[in-house]
N, C-alpha and C. Protein backbone atom coordinates (compact mmCIF):
# COMPACT_ATOMS: atom_id res chain seq x y z
N UNK A 1 -5.58 17.64 5.93
CA UNK A 1 -4.87 17.05 7.07
C UNK A 1 -3.43 16.86 6.82
N UNK A 2 -3.02 16.71 5.40
CA UNK A 2 -1.67 16.52 5.23
C UNK A 2 -0.95 17.75 5.44
N UNK A 3 -1.37 18.86 5.61
CA UNK A 3 -0.46 20.02 5.85
C UNK A 3 -0.41 19.98 7.42
N UNK A 4 -1.68 19.71 8.03
CA UNK A 4 -1.51 19.82 9.50
C UNK A 4 -0.72 18.93 10.19
N UNK A 5 -0.60 17.61 9.45
CA UNK A 5 0.10 16.50 10.11
C UNK A 5 1.40 16.23 9.17
N UNK A 6 2.05 17.32 8.71
CA UNK A 6 3.15 17.00 7.93
C UNK A 6 4.17 16.07 8.34
N UNK A 7 4.63 15.39 7.71
CA UNK A 7 5.63 14.18 8.12
C UNK A 7 5.06 13.11 8.71
N UNK A 8 3.74 13.01 8.89
CA UNK A 8 3.06 11.90 9.55
C UNK A 8 1.89 11.56 8.80
N UNK A 9 1.34 12.30 7.80
CA UNK A 9 0.17 11.95 6.84
C UNK A 9 0.38 12.23 5.48
N UNK A 10 0.18 11.42 4.63
CA UNK A 10 0.65 11.69 3.21
C UNK A 10 -0.57 10.99 2.25
N UNK A 11 -0.83 11.94 1.41
CA UNK A 11 -1.59 11.65 0.03
C UNK A 11 -0.73 11.76 -1.12
N UNK A 12 0.38 12.41 -1.10
CA UNK A 12 1.27 12.36 -2.31
C UNK A 12 2.58 12.83 -1.74
N UNK A 13 3.58 12.93 -2.74
CA UNK A 13 4.91 13.52 -2.35
C UNK A 13 5.29 14.51 -3.31
N UNK A 14 4.59 15.61 -3.44
CA UNK A 14 4.80 16.60 -4.51
C UNK A 14 6.13 17.10 -4.71
N UNK A 15 6.96 16.91 -3.81
CA UNK A 15 8.49 17.40 -3.99
C UNK A 15 9.37 16.40 -4.75
N UNK A 16 8.68 15.25 -5.37
CA UNK A 16 9.47 14.29 -6.01
C UNK A 16 9.20 14.27 -7.44
N UNK A 17 10.03 15.13 -8.28
CA UNK A 17 9.76 15.24 -9.69
C UNK A 17 9.89 13.80 -10.41
N UNK A 18 8.84 13.51 -11.10
CA UNK A 18 8.85 12.30 -11.96
C UNK A 18 8.98 10.93 -11.11
N UNK A 19 8.79 11.01 -9.83
CA UNK A 19 8.64 9.77 -9.04
C UNK A 19 7.22 9.37 -8.70
N UNK A 20 6.79 8.20 -8.79
CA UNK A 20 5.53 7.82 -8.33
C UNK A 20 5.75 6.43 -7.58
N UNK A 21 4.72 6.10 -6.80
CA UNK A 21 4.74 4.82 -6.00
C UNK A 21 3.52 4.11 -6.31
N UNK A 22 3.84 2.78 -6.75
CA UNK A 22 2.64 1.83 -6.90
C UNK A 22 2.43 1.04 -5.47
N UNK A 23 1.34 1.13 -4.99
CA UNK A 23 1.00 0.65 -3.71
C UNK A 23 -0.12 -0.36 -3.78
N UNK A 24 -0.10 -1.59 -3.13
CA UNK A 24 -0.92 -2.75 -3.36
C UNK A 24 -1.49 -3.06 -1.91
N UNK A 25 -2.76 -2.99 -1.74
CA UNK A 25 -3.53 -3.30 -0.58
C UNK A 25 -3.99 -4.66 -0.54
N UNK A 26 -4.43 -5.16 0.74
CA UNK A 26 -5.10 -6.25 0.99
C UNK A 26 -4.38 -7.52 0.75
N UNK A 27 -3.08 -7.49 1.08
CA UNK A 27 -2.26 -8.77 0.83
C UNK A 27 -1.88 -9.23 2.31
N UNK A 28 -1.42 -10.51 2.18
CA UNK A 28 -1.19 -11.42 1.05
C UNK A 28 -2.50 -12.27 0.55
N UNK A 29 -2.59 -12.40 -0.65
CA UNK A 29 -3.60 -13.28 -1.34
C UNK A 29 -3.06 -14.19 -2.27
N UNK A 30 -3.11 -15.56 -1.95
CA UNK A 30 -2.65 -16.44 -2.94
C UNK A 30 -2.98 -16.61 -4.35
N UNK A 31 -4.30 -15.92 -4.62
CA UNK A 31 -4.78 -15.89 -6.03
C UNK A 31 -4.00 -14.71 -6.69
N UNK A 32 -3.73 -13.53 -6.16
CA UNK A 32 -3.30 -12.51 -6.98
C UNK A 32 -2.02 -11.90 -6.58
N UNK A 33 -1.57 -11.95 -5.27
CA UNK A 33 -0.29 -11.40 -5.01
C UNK A 33 0.83 -12.08 -5.71
N UNK A 34 0.98 -13.37 -5.76
CA UNK A 34 2.08 -14.05 -6.63
C UNK A 34 2.04 -13.47 -7.98
N UNK A 35 0.86 -13.23 -8.66
CA UNK A 35 0.83 -12.68 -10.11
C UNK A 35 1.50 -11.31 -10.14
N UNK A 36 1.14 -10.57 -9.07
CA UNK A 36 1.51 -9.13 -9.08
C UNK A 36 3.04 -9.23 -8.94
N UNK A 37 3.46 -9.91 -8.05
CA UNK A 37 4.94 -10.06 -7.79
C UNK A 37 5.78 -10.62 -9.01
N UNK A 38 5.17 -11.44 -9.66
CA UNK A 38 5.88 -12.06 -10.92
C UNK A 38 6.00 -10.76 -11.76
N UNK A 39 5.12 -10.02 -12.01
CA UNK A 39 5.10 -8.94 -12.98
C UNK A 39 6.20 -7.83 -12.60
N UNK A 40 6.17 -7.49 -11.18
CA UNK A 40 7.08 -6.47 -10.71
C UNK A 40 8.43 -7.00 -10.93
N UNK A 41 8.63 -8.24 -10.59
CA UNK A 41 10.10 -8.70 -10.79
C UNK A 41 10.44 -8.77 -12.18
N UNK A 42 9.57 -9.05 -13.10
CA UNK A 42 9.98 -9.18 -14.56
C UNK A 42 10.40 -7.80 -15.07
N UNK A 43 9.48 -6.79 -14.50
CA UNK A 43 9.69 -5.46 -14.88
C UNK A 43 10.78 -4.72 -14.13
N UNK A 44 11.30 -5.23 -13.10
CA UNK A 44 12.21 -4.69 -12.06
C UNK A 44 11.85 -3.45 -11.60
N UNK A 45 10.49 -3.48 -10.95
CA UNK A 45 10.02 -2.43 -10.25
C UNK A 45 9.89 -2.73 -8.77
N UNK A 46 10.07 -1.80 -7.90
CA UNK A 46 9.81 -2.07 -6.51
C UNK A 46 8.58 -1.17 -6.13
N UNK A 47 7.67 -1.85 -5.25
CA UNK A 47 6.39 -1.36 -4.86
C UNK A 47 6.29 -1.30 -3.42
N UNK A 48 5.16 -1.04 -2.79
CA UNK A 48 4.82 -1.02 -1.45
C UNK A 48 3.49 -1.84 -1.40
N UNK A 49 3.73 -2.86 -0.42
CA UNK A 49 2.40 -3.83 -0.12
C UNK A 49 1.98 -3.44 1.23
N UNK A 50 0.58 -3.22 1.48
CA UNK A 50 -0.08 -2.99 2.75
C UNK A 50 -0.82 -4.26 3.33
N UNK A 51 -0.21 -4.95 4.31
CA UNK A 51 -0.37 -6.38 4.77
C UNK A 51 -1.51 -6.20 5.79
N UNK A 52 -2.69 -7.12 5.61
CA UNK A 52 -3.57 -7.37 6.49
C UNK A 52 -3.19 -8.59 7.53
N UNK A 53 -3.20 -8.40 8.75
CA UNK A 53 -2.65 -9.30 9.74
C UNK A 53 -3.21 -10.75 9.56
N UNK A 54 -4.66 -10.82 9.49
CA UNK A 54 -5.09 -12.12 9.38
C UNK A 54 -4.81 -12.91 8.25
N UNK A 55 -4.58 -12.24 7.15
CA UNK A 55 -4.11 -12.88 5.84
C UNK A 55 -2.71 -13.20 5.92
N UNK A 56 -1.87 -12.33 6.65
CA UNK A 56 -0.49 -12.59 6.85
C UNK A 56 -0.25 -14.03 7.68
N UNK A 57 -1.17 -14.31 8.73
CA UNK A 57 -1.24 -15.44 9.47
C UNK A 57 -1.28 -16.63 8.49
N UNK A 58 -2.31 -16.51 7.57
CA UNK A 58 -2.59 -17.63 6.79
C UNK A 58 -1.43 -17.87 5.72
N UNK A 59 -0.66 -16.81 5.26
CA UNK A 59 0.23 -16.95 4.18
C UNK A 59 1.55 -16.37 4.35
N UNK A 60 2.21 -16.74 5.47
CA UNK A 60 3.55 -16.05 5.74
C UNK A 60 4.55 -16.17 4.71
N UNK A 61 4.44 -17.35 3.94
CA UNK A 61 5.43 -17.37 2.74
C UNK A 61 5.30 -16.23 1.78
N UNK A 62 4.08 -15.66 1.57
CA UNK A 62 3.96 -14.61 0.69
C UNK A 62 4.61 -13.32 1.22
N UNK A 63 4.30 -13.10 2.50
CA UNK A 63 4.99 -11.95 3.09
C UNK A 63 6.36 -11.82 3.04
N UNK A 64 6.96 -13.02 3.39
CA UNK A 64 8.44 -13.11 3.28
C UNK A 64 8.97 -13.00 1.77
N UNK A 65 8.10 -13.32 0.82
CA UNK A 65 8.46 -13.35 -0.57
C UNK A 65 8.40 -11.84 -0.83
N UNK A 66 7.39 -11.06 -0.44
CA UNK A 66 7.35 -9.58 -0.73
C UNK A 66 8.65 -9.01 -0.25
N UNK A 67 8.99 -9.27 1.04
CA UNK A 67 10.21 -8.59 1.55
C UNK A 67 11.43 -9.23 0.83
N UNK A 68 11.65 -10.34 0.60
CA UNK A 68 12.80 -11.02 -0.18
C UNK A 68 12.99 -10.27 -1.52
N UNK A 69 11.97 -9.86 -2.23
CA UNK A 69 12.18 -9.37 -3.59
C UNK A 69 12.12 -7.89 -3.62
N UNK A 70 12.38 -7.26 -2.43
CA UNK A 70 12.81 -5.95 -2.31
C UNK A 70 11.73 -4.81 -2.28
N UNK A 71 10.44 -5.26 -1.92
CA UNK A 71 9.34 -4.42 -1.82
C UNK A 71 9.11 -3.88 -0.38
N UNK A 72 8.57 -2.71 -0.32
CA UNK A 72 8.33 -2.11 1.22
C UNK A 72 7.09 -2.80 1.70
N UNK A 73 7.03 -2.87 2.91
CA UNK A 73 5.76 -3.44 3.57
C UNK A 73 5.17 -2.44 4.71
N UNK A 74 3.85 -2.35 4.53
CA UNK A 74 3.09 -1.33 5.56
C UNK A 74 2.13 -2.20 6.33
N UNK A 75 1.43 -1.60 7.19
CA UNK A 75 0.43 -2.26 8.02
C UNK A 75 -0.96 -1.82 7.63
N UNK A 76 -1.86 -2.72 7.34
CA UNK A 76 -3.02 -2.27 6.76
C UNK A 76 -4.18 -2.97 7.56
N UNK A 77 -3.96 -3.02 9.02
CA UNK A 77 -4.85 -3.41 10.04
C UNK A 77 -4.95 -4.95 10.13
N UNK A 78 -5.56 -5.52 11.05
CA UNK A 78 -5.55 -7.14 11.45
C UNK A 78 -6.72 -7.56 10.45
N UNK A 79 -8.08 -7.14 10.50
CA UNK A 79 -9.06 -7.72 9.66
C UNK A 79 -9.86 -6.68 8.98
N UNK A 80 -9.15 -5.52 8.50
CA UNK A 80 -9.84 -4.45 7.64
C UNK A 80 -11.03 -4.00 7.99
N UNK A 81 -11.23 -3.41 9.16
CA UNK A 81 -12.25 -2.61 9.70
C UNK A 81 -12.18 -1.19 9.21
N UNK A 82 -13.09 -0.48 9.44
CA UNK A 82 -13.23 1.05 9.22
C UNK A 82 -12.88 1.80 10.48
N UNK A 83 -11.58 2.21 10.44
CA UNK A 83 -11.13 2.89 11.57
C UNK A 83 -12.09 4.10 12.16
N UNK A 84 -12.75 4.84 11.19
CA UNK A 84 -13.54 5.87 11.34
C UNK A 84 -14.65 5.35 12.45
N UNK A 85 -14.94 4.14 12.36
CA UNK A 85 -16.11 3.75 13.45
C UNK A 85 -15.72 2.92 14.50
N UNK A 86 -14.21 3.17 14.91
CA UNK A 86 -13.65 2.63 16.07
C UNK A 86 -13.15 3.62 17.00
N UNK A 87 -12.98 3.21 18.22
CA UNK A 87 -12.28 4.11 19.07
C UNK A 87 -10.62 4.11 18.91
N UNK A 88 -10.13 5.04 19.38
CA UNK A 88 -8.47 5.01 19.12
C UNK A 88 -7.92 3.77 19.76
N UNK A 89 -8.55 3.39 20.86
CA UNK A 89 -7.86 2.16 21.66
C UNK A 89 -8.19 0.97 20.55
N UNK A 90 -9.22 0.85 20.15
CA UNK A 90 -9.68 -0.24 19.20
C UNK A 90 -8.70 -0.26 17.79
N UNK A 91 -8.61 0.83 17.27
CA UNK A 91 -7.64 1.00 16.22
C UNK A 91 -6.17 0.68 16.47
N UNK A 92 -5.76 1.16 17.73
CA UNK A 92 -4.39 0.79 18.23
C UNK A 92 -4.28 -0.84 18.36
N UNK A 93 -5.17 -1.40 18.79
CA UNK A 93 -5.06 -2.88 18.94
C UNK A 93 -4.93 -3.62 17.56
N UNK A 94 -5.59 -2.92 16.44
CA UNK A 94 -5.59 -3.43 15.14
C UNK A 94 -4.09 -3.24 14.59
N UNK A 95 -3.62 -2.26 14.93
CA UNK A 95 -2.17 -1.97 14.43
C UNK A 95 -1.23 -2.83 15.17
N UNK A 96 -1.20 -2.79 16.41
CA UNK A 96 -0.22 -3.58 17.24
C UNK A 96 -0.20 -5.03 16.97
N UNK A 97 -1.55 -5.47 16.76
CA UNK A 97 -1.74 -6.93 16.48
C UNK A 97 -1.07 -7.31 15.20
N UNK A 98 -1.25 -6.70 14.12
CA UNK A 98 -0.68 -6.96 12.84
C UNK A 98 0.69 -6.64 12.93
N UNK A 99 1.15 -5.52 13.64
CA UNK A 99 2.61 -5.34 13.74
C UNK A 99 3.28 -6.45 14.23
N UNK A 100 2.75 -7.20 15.27
CA UNK A 100 3.46 -8.27 15.95
C UNK A 100 3.52 -9.49 15.08
N UNK A 101 2.48 -9.55 14.04
CA UNK A 101 2.63 -10.60 13.03
C UNK A 101 3.82 -10.42 12.07
N UNK A 102 3.79 -9.18 11.58
CA UNK A 102 4.85 -8.81 10.61
C UNK A 102 6.12 -8.87 11.12
N UNK A 103 6.44 -8.50 12.44
CA UNK A 103 7.64 -8.55 12.97
C UNK A 103 8.16 -10.02 12.95
N UNK A 104 7.29 -10.85 13.50
CA UNK A 104 7.72 -12.34 13.42
C UNK A 104 8.12 -12.71 12.12
N UNK A 105 7.47 -12.24 11.01
CA UNK A 105 7.67 -12.94 9.78
C UNK A 105 8.83 -12.26 8.91
N UNK A 106 9.11 -11.10 9.25
CA UNK A 106 10.06 -10.47 8.40
C UNK A 106 11.03 -9.67 9.26
N UNK A 107 10.84 -9.65 10.57
CA UNK A 107 11.97 -9.14 11.61
C UNK A 107 11.96 -7.77 11.84
N UNK A 108 10.86 -6.84 11.47
CA UNK A 108 10.75 -5.58 11.98
C UNK A 108 9.23 -5.08 12.01
N UNK A 109 9.02 -4.14 12.65
CA UNK A 109 7.65 -3.46 12.57
C UNK A 109 7.69 -2.32 11.69
N UNK A 110 6.65 -2.25 10.78
CA UNK A 110 6.59 -1.26 9.79
C UNK A 110 6.25 0.12 10.33
N UNK A 111 6.87 1.23 9.65
CA UNK A 111 6.44 2.56 10.08
C UNK A 111 5.22 3.01 9.33
N UNK A 112 4.92 2.41 8.12
CA UNK A 112 3.86 2.85 7.27
C UNK A 112 2.53 2.21 7.77
N UNK A 113 1.49 3.03 7.79
CA UNK A 113 0.15 2.55 8.14
C UNK A 113 -0.75 3.00 7.02
N UNK A 114 -1.59 2.05 6.39
CA UNK A 114 -2.68 2.54 5.53
C UNK A 114 -3.98 2.17 6.21
N UNK A 115 -4.84 3.08 6.54
CA UNK A 115 -6.23 2.76 7.08
C UNK A 115 -6.92 2.16 6.17
N UNK A 116 -7.63 1.01 6.42
CA UNK A 116 -8.75 0.50 5.48
C UNK A 116 -9.75 1.62 4.97
N UNK A 117 -9.96 1.60 3.61
CA UNK A 117 -10.87 2.60 3.21
C UNK A 117 -10.29 3.92 3.19
N UNK A 118 -9.13 4.19 3.60
CA UNK A 118 -8.62 5.43 3.75
C UNK A 118 -9.23 6.22 4.89
N UNK A 119 -9.80 5.65 5.73
CA UNK A 119 -10.71 6.34 6.76
C UNK A 119 -10.11 6.30 8.06
N UNK A 120 -9.71 7.46 8.58
CA UNK A 120 -9.10 7.61 9.93
C UNK A 120 -9.45 8.86 10.54
N UNK A 121 -9.82 8.76 11.94
CA UNK A 121 -10.09 10.18 12.65
C UNK A 121 -9.03 10.69 13.28
N UNK A 122 -9.21 12.05 13.42
CA UNK A 122 -8.04 12.85 13.92
C UNK A 122 -7.42 12.25 15.14
N UNK A 123 -8.13 11.97 16.27
CA UNK A 123 -7.37 11.43 17.48
C UNK A 123 -6.54 10.14 17.12
N UNK A 124 -6.89 9.31 16.12
CA UNK A 124 -6.26 8.32 15.76
C UNK A 124 -5.02 8.67 14.96
N UNK A 125 -5.01 9.69 14.28
CA UNK A 125 -3.87 10.27 13.45
C UNK A 125 -2.97 10.81 14.49
N UNK A 126 -3.44 11.48 15.55
CA UNK A 126 -2.55 12.08 16.44
C UNK A 126 -1.85 11.03 17.22
N UNK A 127 -2.59 9.82 17.56
CA UNK A 127 -1.76 8.69 18.15
C UNK A 127 -0.75 8.16 17.33
N UNK A 128 -1.12 7.98 16.12
CA UNK A 128 -0.04 7.51 15.21
C UNK A 128 1.21 8.39 15.03
N UNK A 129 1.06 9.63 14.81
CA UNK A 129 2.07 10.59 14.83
C UNK A 129 2.87 10.58 16.19
N UNK A 130 2.27 10.43 17.29
CA UNK A 130 3.11 10.47 18.54
C UNK A 130 3.88 9.24 18.70
N UNK A 131 3.36 7.97 18.09
CA UNK A 131 4.06 6.97 18.12
C UNK A 131 5.25 6.71 17.01
N UNK A 132 5.38 7.65 16.18
CA UNK A 132 6.28 7.55 15.16
C UNK A 132 5.93 6.79 13.76
N UNK A 133 4.64 6.58 13.63
CA UNK A 133 4.21 5.96 12.40
C UNK A 133 4.00 7.11 11.43
N UNK A 134 3.87 6.66 10.12
CA UNK A 134 3.40 7.49 9.10
C UNK A 134 2.22 6.90 8.47
N UNK A 135 1.14 7.71 8.31
CA UNK A 135 -0.15 7.20 7.67
C UNK A 135 -0.12 7.66 6.29
N UNK A 136 -0.32 6.58 5.38
CA UNK A 136 -0.20 6.91 4.00
C UNK A 136 -1.49 6.63 3.13
N UNK A 137 -2.24 7.53 2.73
CA UNK A 137 -3.35 7.19 1.91
C UNK A 137 -2.81 7.48 0.21
N UNK A 138 -3.46 8.10 -0.50
CA UNK A 138 -3.21 8.15 -2.00
C UNK A 138 -3.94 9.33 -2.56
N UNK A 139 -3.44 9.67 -3.73
CA UNK A 139 -4.12 10.72 -4.43
C UNK A 139 -4.42 10.19 -5.96
N UNK A 140 -4.15 8.82 -6.27
CA UNK A 140 -4.68 8.33 -7.54
C UNK A 140 -5.26 6.88 -7.20
N UNK A 141 -6.53 6.84 -7.42
CA UNK A 141 -7.29 5.71 -7.06
C UNK A 141 -7.64 4.76 -8.39
N UNK A 142 -7.02 3.57 -8.57
CA UNK A 142 -7.37 2.98 -9.69
C UNK A 142 -8.82 2.33 -9.80
N UNK A 143 -9.54 2.33 -8.52
CA UNK A 143 -10.69 1.67 -8.31
C UNK A 143 -10.86 0.18 -8.71
N UNK A 144 -9.68 -0.31 -8.75
CA UNK A 144 -9.60 -1.76 -9.36
C UNK A 144 -10.56 -2.69 -8.31
N UNK A 145 -10.73 -2.36 -7.06
CA UNK A 145 -11.49 -3.13 -6.19
C UNK A 145 -12.93 -3.46 -6.76
N UNK A 146 -13.40 -2.55 -7.64
CA UNK A 146 -14.61 -2.79 -8.27
C UNK A 146 -14.64 -3.89 -9.36
N UNK A 147 -13.50 -4.60 -9.42
CA UNK A 147 -13.28 -5.70 -10.38
C UNK A 147 -13.50 -5.19 -11.95
N UNK A 148 -12.93 -3.99 -12.18
CA UNK A 148 -12.92 -3.46 -13.32
C UNK A 148 -12.05 -4.22 -14.35
N UNK A 149 -12.32 -3.93 -15.64
CA UNK A 149 -11.37 -4.33 -16.80
C UNK A 149 -9.98 -3.67 -16.76
N UNK A 150 -9.12 -4.39 -17.43
CA UNK A 150 -7.90 -3.80 -17.43
C UNK A 150 -7.82 -2.40 -18.13
N UNK A 151 -8.47 -2.08 -19.18
CA UNK A 151 -8.56 -0.90 -19.90
C UNK A 151 -9.05 0.24 -18.85
N UNK A 152 -9.91 -0.07 -17.98
CA UNK A 152 -10.47 0.95 -17.11
C UNK A 152 -9.47 1.25 -16.02
N UNK A 153 -8.94 0.18 -15.45
CA UNK A 153 -7.94 0.36 -14.54
C UNK A 153 -6.81 1.25 -14.97
N UNK A 154 -6.35 0.90 -16.25
CA UNK A 154 -5.33 1.65 -16.82
C UNK A 154 -5.75 3.06 -16.98
N UNK A 155 -6.93 3.46 -17.49
CA UNK A 155 -7.31 4.76 -17.68
C UNK A 155 -7.41 5.58 -16.45
N UNK A 156 -8.07 4.98 -15.27
CA UNK A 156 -8.18 5.53 -14.12
C UNK A 156 -6.91 6.16 -13.40
N UNK A 157 -5.72 5.30 -13.80
CA UNK A 157 -4.50 5.70 -13.24
C UNK A 157 -3.91 6.77 -14.08
N UNK A 158 -3.84 6.55 -15.44
CA UNK A 158 -3.08 7.52 -16.22
C UNK A 158 -3.63 8.82 -16.48
N UNK A 159 -4.92 8.92 -16.32
CA UNK A 159 -5.56 10.25 -16.48
C UNK A 159 -5.45 11.07 -15.07
N UNK A 160 -4.92 10.46 -14.06
CA UNK A 160 -4.79 11.20 -12.76
C UNK A 160 -3.47 11.29 -12.26
N UNK A 161 -2.47 10.50 -12.93
CA UNK A 161 -1.00 10.36 -12.25
C UNK A 161 -0.45 11.80 -12.57
N UNK A 162 0.43 12.18 -11.60
CA UNK A 162 1.16 13.36 -11.65
C UNK A 162 2.49 13.11 -10.89
N UNK A 163 3.53 13.77 -11.01
CA UNK A 163 4.87 13.61 -10.30
C UNK A 163 4.44 13.66 -8.77
N UNK A 164 5.14 12.47 -8.02
CA UNK A 164 4.83 12.49 -6.53
C UNK A 164 3.50 11.70 -6.28
N UNK A 165 2.82 11.14 -7.20
CA UNK A 165 1.52 10.45 -6.97
C UNK A 165 1.76 9.26 -6.16
N UNK A 166 0.77 8.94 -5.27
CA UNK A 166 0.62 7.49 -4.65
C UNK A 166 -0.51 6.91 -5.22
N UNK A 167 -0.19 5.81 -5.93
CA UNK A 167 -1.17 5.11 -6.72
C UNK A 167 -1.78 3.80 -5.94
N UNK A 168 -3.14 3.94 -5.79
CA UNK A 168 -3.87 2.81 -4.97
C UNK A 168 -4.24 1.60 -5.93
N UNK A 169 -3.61 0.35 -5.81
CA UNK A 169 -4.00 -0.83 -6.49
C UNK A 169 -4.32 -1.86 -5.51
N UNK A 170 -4.66 -2.97 -5.72
CA UNK A 170 -4.90 -4.20 -4.84
C UNK A 170 -4.24 -5.48 -5.51
N UNK A 171 -3.58 -6.19 -4.57
CA UNK A 171 -2.94 -7.43 -4.88
C UNK A 171 -3.72 -8.58 -3.98
N UNK A 172 -4.81 -8.13 -3.58
CA UNK A 172 -5.64 -9.14 -2.80
C UNK A 172 -7.14 -8.64 -2.59
N UNK A 173 -8.08 -9.53 -2.20
CA UNK A 173 -9.34 -9.00 -2.11
C UNK A 173 -10.25 -10.21 -1.22
N UNK A 174 -11.35 -9.77 -1.20
CA UNK A 174 -12.34 -10.70 -0.50
C UNK A 174 -12.75 -11.89 -1.28
N UNK A 175 -13.38 -12.96 -0.67
CA UNK A 175 -13.75 -14.23 -1.41
C UNK A 175 -14.53 -13.82 -2.58
N UNK A 176 -14.28 -14.38 -3.63
CA UNK A 176 -15.01 -14.09 -4.88
C UNK A 176 -14.50 -12.93 -5.65
N UNK A 177 -13.76 -11.97 -5.08
CA UNK A 177 -13.42 -10.72 -5.83
C UNK A 177 -12.47 -11.10 -6.81
N UNK A 178 -12.72 -10.57 -7.93
CA UNK A 178 -11.79 -10.80 -9.10
C UNK A 178 -10.97 -9.58 -9.52
N UNK A 179 -9.66 -9.83 -9.37
CA UNK A 179 -8.57 -8.81 -9.74
C UNK A 179 -7.86 -8.95 -10.95
N UNK A 180 -8.36 -9.71 -11.80
CA UNK A 180 -7.82 -10.14 -13.08
C UNK A 180 -7.39 -8.65 -13.90
N UNK A 181 -8.36 -7.79 -13.64
CA UNK A 181 -8.12 -6.43 -14.54
C UNK A 181 -6.78 -5.77 -14.00
N UNK A 182 -6.53 -5.81 -12.67
CA UNK A 182 -5.42 -5.25 -12.10
C UNK A 182 -4.11 -5.96 -12.71
N UNK A 183 -4.22 -7.38 -12.73
CA UNK A 183 -3.01 -8.12 -13.10
C UNK A 183 -2.67 -7.87 -14.59
N UNK A 184 -3.84 -7.79 -15.52
CA UNK A 184 -3.69 -7.55 -16.81
C UNK A 184 -3.18 -6.08 -17.20
N UNK A 185 -3.64 -5.10 -16.29
CA UNK A 185 -3.33 -3.70 -16.57
C UNK A 185 -1.86 -3.40 -16.15
N UNK A 186 -1.38 -4.18 -15.16
CA UNK A 186 -0.12 -3.67 -14.44
C UNK A 186 1.15 -3.50 -15.34
N UNK A 187 1.36 -4.62 -16.30
CA UNK A 187 2.62 -4.44 -17.04
C UNK A 187 2.49 -3.31 -18.08
N UNK A 188 1.27 -3.07 -18.67
CA UNK A 188 0.96 -2.09 -19.46
C UNK A 188 1.18 -0.77 -18.89
N UNK A 189 0.69 -0.64 -17.65
CA UNK A 189 0.73 0.59 -16.85
C UNK A 189 2.11 1.02 -16.57
N UNK A 190 2.98 -0.10 -16.21
CA UNK A 190 4.41 0.14 -15.95
C UNK A 190 5.09 0.69 -17.14
N UNK A 191 4.87 0.02 -18.19
CA UNK A 191 5.61 0.53 -19.60
C UNK A 191 5.04 1.99 -19.90
N UNK A 192 3.75 2.37 -19.56
CA UNK A 192 3.32 3.61 -20.02
C UNK A 192 4.02 4.75 -19.12
N UNK A 193 4.02 4.50 -17.73
CA UNK A 193 4.84 5.26 -16.84
C UNK A 193 6.05 5.55 -17.14
N UNK A 194 6.86 4.48 -17.67
CA UNK A 194 8.23 4.63 -18.05
C UNK A 194 8.47 5.40 -19.21
N UNK A 195 7.25 5.30 -20.13
CA UNK A 195 7.56 6.04 -21.43
C UNK A 195 7.27 7.52 -21.16
N UNK A 196 6.55 7.84 -20.10
CA UNK A 196 6.26 9.21 -19.74
C UNK A 196 7.43 9.84 -18.83
N UNK A 197 8.48 8.99 -18.57
CA UNK A 197 9.63 9.40 -17.76
C UNK A 197 9.43 9.24 -16.28
N UNK A 198 8.50 8.62 -15.83
CA UNK A 198 8.29 8.39 -14.35
C UNK A 198 9.08 7.10 -13.79
N UNK A 199 9.81 7.41 -12.85
CA UNK A 199 10.50 6.39 -12.01
C UNK A 199 9.53 5.82 -10.89
N UNK A 200 9.35 4.45 -10.78
CA UNK A 200 8.46 3.81 -9.82
C UNK A 200 9.38 3.40 -8.68
N UNK A 201 9.03 3.97 -7.43
CA UNK A 201 9.83 3.59 -6.32
C UNK A 201 8.89 3.20 -5.22
N UNK A 202 9.59 2.60 -4.13
CA UNK A 202 8.80 2.18 -2.93
C UNK A 202 8.52 3.49 -2.06
N UNK A 203 7.53 3.41 -1.40
CA UNK A 203 7.15 4.55 -0.59
C UNK A 203 8.32 5.24 0.45
N UNK A 204 8.96 4.43 1.21
CA UNK A 204 10.01 4.87 2.01
C UNK A 204 10.98 5.75 1.28
N UNK A 205 11.43 5.23 0.02
CA UNK A 205 12.26 6.12 -0.71
C UNK A 205 11.63 7.52 -1.16
N UNK A 206 10.39 7.34 -1.63
CA UNK A 206 9.71 8.63 -2.19
C UNK A 206 9.42 9.50 -1.04
N UNK A 207 9.01 9.09 0.13
CA UNK A 207 8.61 9.95 1.22
C UNK A 207 9.91 10.22 2.13
N UNK A 208 11.10 9.60 1.91
CA UNK A 208 12.17 10.04 2.75
C UNK A 208 12.04 9.44 4.02
N UNK A 209 11.38 8.37 4.23
CA UNK A 209 11.13 7.76 5.67
C UNK A 209 11.55 6.35 5.68
N UNK A 210 12.21 6.04 6.85
CA UNK A 210 12.55 4.53 7.02
C UNK A 210 11.43 3.77 6.97
N UNK A 211 11.58 2.55 6.36
CA UNK A 211 10.51 1.57 6.33
C UNK A 211 10.16 0.97 7.88
N UNK A 212 11.19 0.88 8.60
CA UNK A 212 11.13 0.42 9.96
C UNK A 212 10.67 1.53 10.94
N UNK A 213 9.79 0.91 11.79
CA UNK A 213 9.45 1.86 12.96
C UNK A 213 10.64 1.81 13.96
N UNK A 214 11.04 2.93 14.36
CA UNK A 214 12.13 3.11 15.25
C UNK A 214 11.73 2.43 16.78
């Protein structure tokens, strides 16, 4: 589908030599999002955070911090359903509801959408394209949502990364979900990527897309 929906659906950005994008789903989360932000600030890395609307309502300060510290923001639905099990109208309501929350908190509606679980049906993708959104999944999965240890998270990324890779990580999770492995792996991963000559950039820069929806 990346080829069929060129410019509106992305798994990677192969034309970007030695650039990669760190992306963090399921934010904001007061347990893990601040720790991830602290590391990114210390390492001077810009990343992309996909915001869940109901979480943003509870923690608007964290959404504003993400923005204030120079990271890109995308829409990750209101309450994290599987879009493939929904009608296009239901999916649209999820996007619009979260969009309204984000607009109130940071002053704009995001162009980037990441469907929960990476699942989206073609009619939904057609709607997103017609409305000027860009749907962004990934081609490197850390599998950190499985509560893996830091070494495994690191290995899952470093064995798969290529120039133009979009790397899936999490800075938030469900009740009881432990992302300590992500937090511990992140500074080591950043240092490794730099040692291999990779530049870590936010998705709008790598994709050549405005962060804001027109």
